[in-house]
Structure formats: structure tokens, C-alpha cells
Amino acid sequence: MYQSDITQFLNQLKAQKPQLEEEQRRGRSLLWDKQPIDLEERADQQSSRVKQTSYVYYQNF
């Protein structure tokens, strides 16, 4: 059965490093898997922000 060079390389890499897939999952979870957003807390945070003026470089003395 034919296997491309890339498939052979990946199979060989996985055989040499069996923990590779677990390391990839752990790395992915650090960057992409996020906790659910608490909507009430987010609304409180947004309502407590100070509104920015329409022209930020103008300072009313």
C-alpha cells in the first residue's frame, strides 16, 4: 500500500515520540481552550467603564 513521504515521516515521528500528541493537546489548551464567559460579570465590568469622549485629544480645562 502506498504512503506518501509526509505520512511516513509522521508515522516515524509518532513512533519515536509517543507523547507528541499529548504535548500538542496541552499546548492547544494553553492558547485556545478558554473558560466560559460569565455574562453578568461582563455586564458589570462594561457598565463600570468610564466613557471616552468623542474627540480624545480635546481637553476641556
PDB file of N, CA and C in Angstrom:
ATOM      1  N   MET A   1       0.848  -1.185   0.000  1.00  0.00           N
ATOM      2  CA  MET A   1       0.000   0.000   0.000  1.00  0.00           C
ATOM      3  C   MET A   1       0.890   1.244   0.000  1.00  0.00           C
ATOM      4  N   TYR A   2       0.543   2.187  -0.833  1.00  0.00           N
ATOM      5  CA  TYR A   2       1.345   3.398  -0.974  1.00  0.00           C
ATOM      6  C   TYR A   2       1.107   4.345   0.196  1.00  0.00           C
ATOM      7  N   GLN A   3       2.196   4.934   0.706  1.00  0.00           N
ATOM      8  CA  GLN A   3       2.133   6.000   1.701  1.00  0.00           C
ATOM      9  C   GLN A   3       3.047   7.121   1.239  1.00  0.00           C
ATOM     10  N   SER A   4       2.541   8.331   1.318  1.00  0.00           N
ATOM     11  CA  SER A   4       3.354   9.464   0.889  1.00  0.00           C
ATOM     12  C   SER A   4       4.516   9.670   1.852  1.00  0.00           C
ATOM     13  N   ASP A   5       5.473  10.479   1.424  1.00  0.00           N
ATOM     14  CA  ASP A   5       6.640  10.765   2.260  1.00  0.00           C
ATOM     15  C   ASP A   5       6.219  11.447   3.557  1.00  0.00           C
ATOM     16  N   ILE A   6       5.244  12.308   3.482  1.00  0.00           N
ATOM     17  CA  ILE A   6       4.787  13.031   4.671  1.00  0.00           C
ATOM     18  C   ILE A   6       4.138  12.067   5.661  1.00  0.00           C
ATOM     19  N   THR A   7       3.318  11.155   5.162  1.00  0.00           N
ATOM     20  CA  THR A   7       2.675  10.167   6.039  1.00  0.00           C
ATOM     21  C   THR A   7       3.722   9.276   6.692  1.00  0.00           C
ATOM     22  N   GLN A   8       4.708   8.869   5.933  1.00  0.00           N
ATOM     23  CA  GLN A   8       5.779   8.054   6.501  1.00  0.00           C
ATOM     24  C   GLN A   8       6.535   8.827   7.574  1.00  0.00           C
ATOM     25  N   PHE A   9       6.819  10.103   7.300  1.00  0.00           N
ATOM     26  CA  PHE A   9       7.527  10.930   8.271  1.00  0.00           C
ATOM     27  C   PHE A   9       6.718  11.073   9.559  1.00  0.00           C
ATOM     28  N   LEU A  10       5.420  11.340   9.424  1.00  0.00           N
ATOM     29  CA  LEU A  10       4.579  11.498  10.610  1.00  0.00           C
ATOM     30  C   LEU A  10       4.479  10.211  11.417  1.00  0.00           C
ATOM     31  N   ASN A  11       4.329   9.098  10.732  1.00  0.00           N
ATOM     32  CA  ASN A  11       4.281   7.813  11.437  1.00  0.00           C
ATOM     33  C   ASN A  11       5.591   7.523  12.167  1.00  0.00           C
ATOM     34  N   GLN A  12       6.702   7.835  11.532  1.00  0.00           N
ATOM     35  CA  GLN A  12       8.006   7.633  12.157  1.00  0.00           C
ATOM     36  C   GLN A  12       8.181   8.564  13.351  1.00  0.00           C
ATOM     37  N   LEU A  13       7.746   9.816  13.223  1.00  0.00           N
ATOM     38  CA  LEU A  13       7.842  10.786  14.315  1.00  0.00           C
ATOM     39  C   LEU A  13       6.997  10.353  15.513  1.00  0.00           C
ATOM     40  N   LYS A  14       5.788   9.884  15.253  1.00  0.00           N
ATOM     41  CA  LYS A  14       4.917   9.410  16.332  1.00  0.00           C
ATOM     42  C   LYS A  14       5.484   8.163  17.004  1.00  0.00           C
ATOM     43  N   ALA A  15       6.177   7.325  16.234  1.00  0.00           N
ATOM     44  CA  ALA A  15       6.792   6.137  16.824  1.00  0.00           C
ATOM     45  C   ALA A  15       7.978   6.518  17.715  1.00  0.00           C
ATOM     46  N   GLN A  16       8.709   7.552  17.312  1.00  0.00           N
ATOM     47  CA  GLN A  16       9.855   7.995  18.106  1.00  0.00           C
ATOM     48  C   GLN A  16       9.428   8.764  19.350  1.00  0.00           C
ATOM     49  N   LYS A  17       8.351   9.538  19.227  1.00  0.00           N
ATOM     50  CA  LYS A  17       7.868  10.372  20.337  1.00  0.00           C
ATOM     51  C   LYS A  17       6.397  10.065  20.603  1.00  0.00           C
ATOM     52  N   PRO A  18       6.088   9.036  21.370  1.00  0.00           N
ATOM     53  CA  PRO A  18       4.684   8.681  21.615  1.00  0.00           C
ATOM     54  C   PRO A  18       3.923   9.748  22.413  1.00  0.00           C
ATOM     55  N   GLN A  19       4.616  10.608  23.148  1.00  0.00           N
ATOM     56  CA  GLN A  19       3.951  11.644  23.933  1.00  0.00           C
ATOM     57  C   GLN A  19       3.655  12.897  23.105  1.00  0.00           C
ATOM     58  N   LEU A  20       3.972  12.913  21.838  1.00  0.00           N
ATOM     59  CA  LEU A  20       3.840  14.093  20.989  1.00  0.00           C
ATOM     60  C   LEU A  20       2.399  14.610  20.924  1.00  0.00           C
ATOM     61  N   GLU A  21       1.442  13.726  20.718  1.00  0.00           N
ATOM     62  CA  GLU A  21       0.050  14.170  20.598  1.00  0.00           C
ATOM     63  C   GLU A  21      -0.451  14.784  21.902  1.00  0.00           C
ATOM     64  N   GLU A  22      -0.068  14.235  23.031  1.00  0.00           N
ATOM     65  CA  GLU A  22      -0.465  14.791  24.326  1.00  0.00           C
ATOM     66  C   GLU A  22       0.141  16.173  24.515  1.00  0.00           C
ATOM     67  N   GLU A  23       1.389  16.359  24.109  1.00  0.00           N
ATOM     68  CA  GLU A  23       2.032  17.670  24.205  1.00  0.00           C
ATOM     69  C   GLU A  23       1.315  18.687  23.310  1.00  0.00           C
ATOM     70  N   GLN A  24       0.893  18.260  22.130  1.00  0.00           N
ATOM     71  CA  GLN A  24       0.158  19.144  21.231  1.00  0.00           C
ATOM     72  C   GLN A  24      -1.183  19.550  21.850  1.00  0.00           C
ATOM     73  N   ARG A  25      -1.878  18.607  22.456  1.00  0.00           N
ATOM     74  CA  ARG A  25      -3.156  18.923  23.100  1.00  0.00           C
ATOM     75  C   ARG A  25      -2.971  19.898  24.252  1.00  0.00           C
ATOM     76  N   ARG A  26      -1.905  19.690  25.035  1.00  0.00           N
ATOM     77  CA  ARG A  26      -1.620  20.581  26.160  1.00  0.00           C
ATOM     78  C   ARG A  26      -1.307  21.997  25.663  1.00  0.00           C
ATOM     79  N   GLY A  27      -0.509  22.099  24.610  1.00  0.00           N
ATOM     80  CA  GLY A  27      -0.188  23.400  24.022  1.00  0.00           C
ATOM     81  C   GLY A  27      -1.422  24.090  23.461  1.00  0.00           C
ATOM     82  N   ARG A  28      -2.287  23.333  22.822  1.00  0.00           N
ATOM     83  CA  ARG A  28      -3.515  23.903  22.284  1.00  0.00           C
ATOM     84  C   ARG A  28      -4.398  24.437  23.398  1.00  0.00           C
ATOM     85  N   SER A  29      -4.467  23.701  24.500  1.00  0.00           N
ATOM     86  CA  SER A  29      -5.331  24.143  25.595  1.00  0.00           C
ATOM     87  C   SER A  29      -4.823  25.437  26.217  1.00  0.00           C
ATOM     88  N   LEU A  30      -3.521  25.663  26.194  1.00  0.00           N
ATOM     89  CA  LEU A  30      -2.978  26.909  26.733  1.00  0.00           C
ATOM     90  C   LEU A  30      -3.414  28.116  25.919  1.00  0.00           C
ATOM     91  N   LEU A  31      -3.478  27.949  24.598  1.00  0.00           N
ATOM     92  CA  LEU A  31      -3.745  29.087  23.733  1.00  0.00           C
ATOM     93  C   LEU A  31      -5.209  29.237  23.328  1.00  0.00           C
ATOM     94  N   TRP A  32      -5.924  28.147  23.154  1.00  0.00           N
ATOM     95  CA  TRP A  32      -7.230  28.223  22.525  1.00  0.00           C
ATOM     96  C   TRP A  32      -8.409  27.860  23.416  1.00  0.00           C
ATOM     97  N   ASP A  33      -8.235  26.927  24.327  1.00  0.00           N
ATOM     98  CA  ASP A  33      -9.359  26.500  25.158  1.00  0.00           C
ATOM     99  C   ASP A  33      -9.548  27.501  26.296  1.00  0.00           C
ATOM    100  N   LYS A  34     -10.658  28.213  26.269  1.00  0.00           N
ATOM    101  CA  LYS A  34     -10.920  29.267  27.250  1.00  0.00           C
ATOM    102  C   LYS A  34     -12.096  28.877  28.140  1.00  0.00           C
ATOM    103  N   GLN A  35     -12.133  29.471  29.320  1.00  0.00           N
ATOM    104  CA  GLN A  35     -13.233  29.252  30.244  1.00  0.00           C
ATOM    105  C   GLN A  35     -14.480  29.981  29.721  1.00  0.00           C
ATOM    106  N   PRO A  36     -15.662  29.483  30.031  1.00  0.00           N
ATOM    107  CA  PRO A  36     -16.882  30.176  29.615  1.00  0.00           C
ATOM    108  C   PRO A  36     -16.960  31.564  30.252  1.00  0.00           C
ATOM    109  N   ILE A  37     -17.560  32.493  29.531  1.00  0.00           N
ATOM    110  CA  ILE A  37     -17.683  33.873  29.995  1.00  0.00           C
ATOM    111  C   ILE A  37     -18.913  33.997  30.888  1.00  0.00           C
ATOM    112  N   ASP A  38     -18.732  34.622  32.057  1.00  0.00           N
ATOM    113  CA  ASP A  38     -19.848  34.914  32.942  1.00  0.00           C
ATOM    114  C   ASP A  38     -20.488  36.216  32.450  1.00  0.00           C
ATOM    115  N   LEU A  39     -21.682  36.135  31.889  1.00  0.00           N
ATOM    116  CA  LEU A  39     -22.304  37.287  31.254  1.00  0.00           C
ATOM    117  C   LEU A  39     -22.650  38.392  32.249  1.00  0.00           C
ATOM    118  N   GLU A  40     -23.033  38.038  33.456  1.00  0.00           N
ATOM    119  CA  GLU A  40     -23.362  39.052  34.456  1.00  0.00           C
ATOM    120  C   GLU A  40     -22.103  39.825  34.867  1.00  0.00           C
ATOM    121  N   GLU A  41     -21.022  39.120  35.073  1.00  0.00           N
ATOM    122  CA  GLU A  41     -19.769  39.775  35.444  1.00  0.00           C
ATOM    123  C   GLU A  41     -19.285  40.678  34.314  1.00  0.00           C
ATOM    124  N   ARG A  42     -19.420  40.215  33.081  1.00  0.00           N
ATOM    125  CA  ARG A  42     -19.011  41.020  31.937  1.00  0.00           C
ATOM    126  C   ARG A  42     -19.856  42.282  31.816  1.00  0.00           C
ATOM    127  N   ALA A  43     -21.149  42.174  32.056  1.00  0.00           N
ATOM    128  CA  ALA A  43     -22.021  43.348  32.002  1.00  0.00           C
ATOM    129  C   ALA A  43     -21.641  44.341  33.092  1.00  0.00           C
ATOM    130  N   ASP A  44     -21.328  43.855  34.286  1.00  0.00           N
ATOM    131  CA  ASP A  44     -20.880  44.736  35.369  1.00  0.00           C
ATOM    132  C   ASP A  44     -19.592  45.458  34.998  1.00  0.00           C
ATOM    133  N   GLN A  45     -18.667  44.739  34.394  1.00  0.00           N
ATOM    134  CA  GLN A  45     -17.398  45.351  34.002  1.00  0.00           C
ATOM    135  C   GLN A  45     -17.612  46.422  32.934  1.00  0.00           C
ATOM    136  N   GLN A  46     -18.471  46.154  31.970  1.00  0.00           N
ATOM    137  CA  GLN A  46     -18.710  47.118  30.912  1.00  0.00           C
ATOM    138  C   GLN A  46     -19.448  48.345  31.427  1.00  0.00           C
ATOM    139  N   SER A  47     -20.361  48.155  32.371  1.00  0.00           N
ATOM    140  CA  SER A  47     -21.099  49.299  32.885  1.00  0.00           C
ATOM    141  C   SER A  47     -20.241  50.164  33.798  1.00  0.00           C
ATOM    142  N   SER A  48     -19.172  49.624  34.359  1.00  0.00           N
ATOM    143  CA  SER A  48     -18.326  50.406  35.262  1.00  0.00           C
ATOM    144  C   SER A  48     -17.212  51.148  34.534  1.00  0.00           C
ATOM    145  N   ARG A  49     -17.097  50.976  33.242  1.00  0.00           N
ATOM    146  CA  ARG A  49     -16.061  51.673  32.478  1.00  0.00           C
ATOM    147  C   ARG A  49     -16.402  53.147  32.328  1.00  0.00           C
ATOM    148  N   VAL A  50     -15.369  53.988  32.311  1.00  0.00           N
ATOM    149  CA  VAL A  50     -15.551  55.417  32.077  1.00  0.00           C
ATOM    150  C   VAL A  50     -15.658  55.621  30.572  1.00  0.00           C
ATOM    151  N   LYS A  51     -16.679  56.334  30.144  1.00  0.00           N
ATOM    152  CA  LYS A  51     -16.901  56.548  28.713  1.00  0.00           C
ATOM    153  C   LYS A  51     -15.849  57.501  28.160  1.00  0.00           C
ATOM    154  N   GLN A  52     -15.356  57.189  26.977  1.00  0.00           N
ATOM    155  CA  GLN A  52     -14.364  58.021  26.319  1.00  0.00           C
ATOM    156  C   GLN A  52     -15.077  59.151  25.584  1.00  0.00           C
ATOM    157  N   THR A  53     -14.470  60.335  25.572  1.00  0.00           N
ATOM    158  CA  THR A  53     -15.074  61.456  24.858  1.00  0.00           C
ATOM    159  C   THR A  53     -14.990  61.215  23.360  1.00  0.00           C
ATOM    160  N   SER A  54     -15.782  61.967  22.617  1.00  0.00           N
ATOM    161  CA  SER A  54     -15.827  61.756  21.175  1.00  0.00           C
ATOM    162  C   SER A  54     -14.539  62.197  20.486  1.00  0.00           C
ATOM    163  N   TYR A  55     -13.882  63.215  21.034  1.00  0.00           N
ATOM    164  CA  TYR A  55     -12.596  63.651  20.472  1.00  0.00           C
ATOM    165  C   TYR A  55     -11.599  63.575  21.604  1.00  0.00           C
ATOM    166  N   VAL A  56     -10.746  62.581  21.582  1.00  0.00           N
ATOM    167  CA  VAL A  56      -9.898  62.283  22.734  1.00  0.00           C
ATOM    168  C   VAL A  56      -8.776  63.295  22.931  1.00  0.00           C
ATOM    169  N   TYR A  57      -8.411  64.060  21.893  1.00  0.00           N
ATOM    170  CA  TYR A  57      -7.288  64.987  22.027  1.00  0.00           C
ATOM    171  C   TYR A  57      -7.722  66.334  22.582  1.00  0.00           C
ATOM    172  N   TYR A  58      -9.003  66.560  22.633  1.00  0.00           N
ATOM    173  CA  TYR A  58      -9.522  67.803  23.210  1.00  0.00           C
ATOM    174  C   TYR A  58      -9.654  67.633  24.712  1.00  0.00           C
ATOM    175  N   GLN A  59      -9.058  68.579  25.444  1.00  0.00           N
ATOM    176  CA  GLN A  59      -9.174  68.522  26.877  1.00  0.00           C
ATOM    177  C   GLN A  59      -9.868  69.793  27.346  1.00  0.00           C
ATOM    178  N   ASN A  60     -10.939  69.627  28.003  1.00  0.00           N
ATOM    179  CA  ASN A  60     -11.751  70.737  28.462  1.00  0.00           C
ATOM    180  C   ASN A  60     -11.193  71.204  29.816  1.00  0.00           C
ATOM    181  N   PHE A  61     -10.466  72.328  29.796  1.00  0.00           N
ATOM    182  CA  PHE A  61      -9.881  72.845  31.034  1.00  0.00           C
ATOM    183  C   PHE A  61     -10.816  73.783  31.714  1.00  0.00           C
TER     184      PHE A  61
END
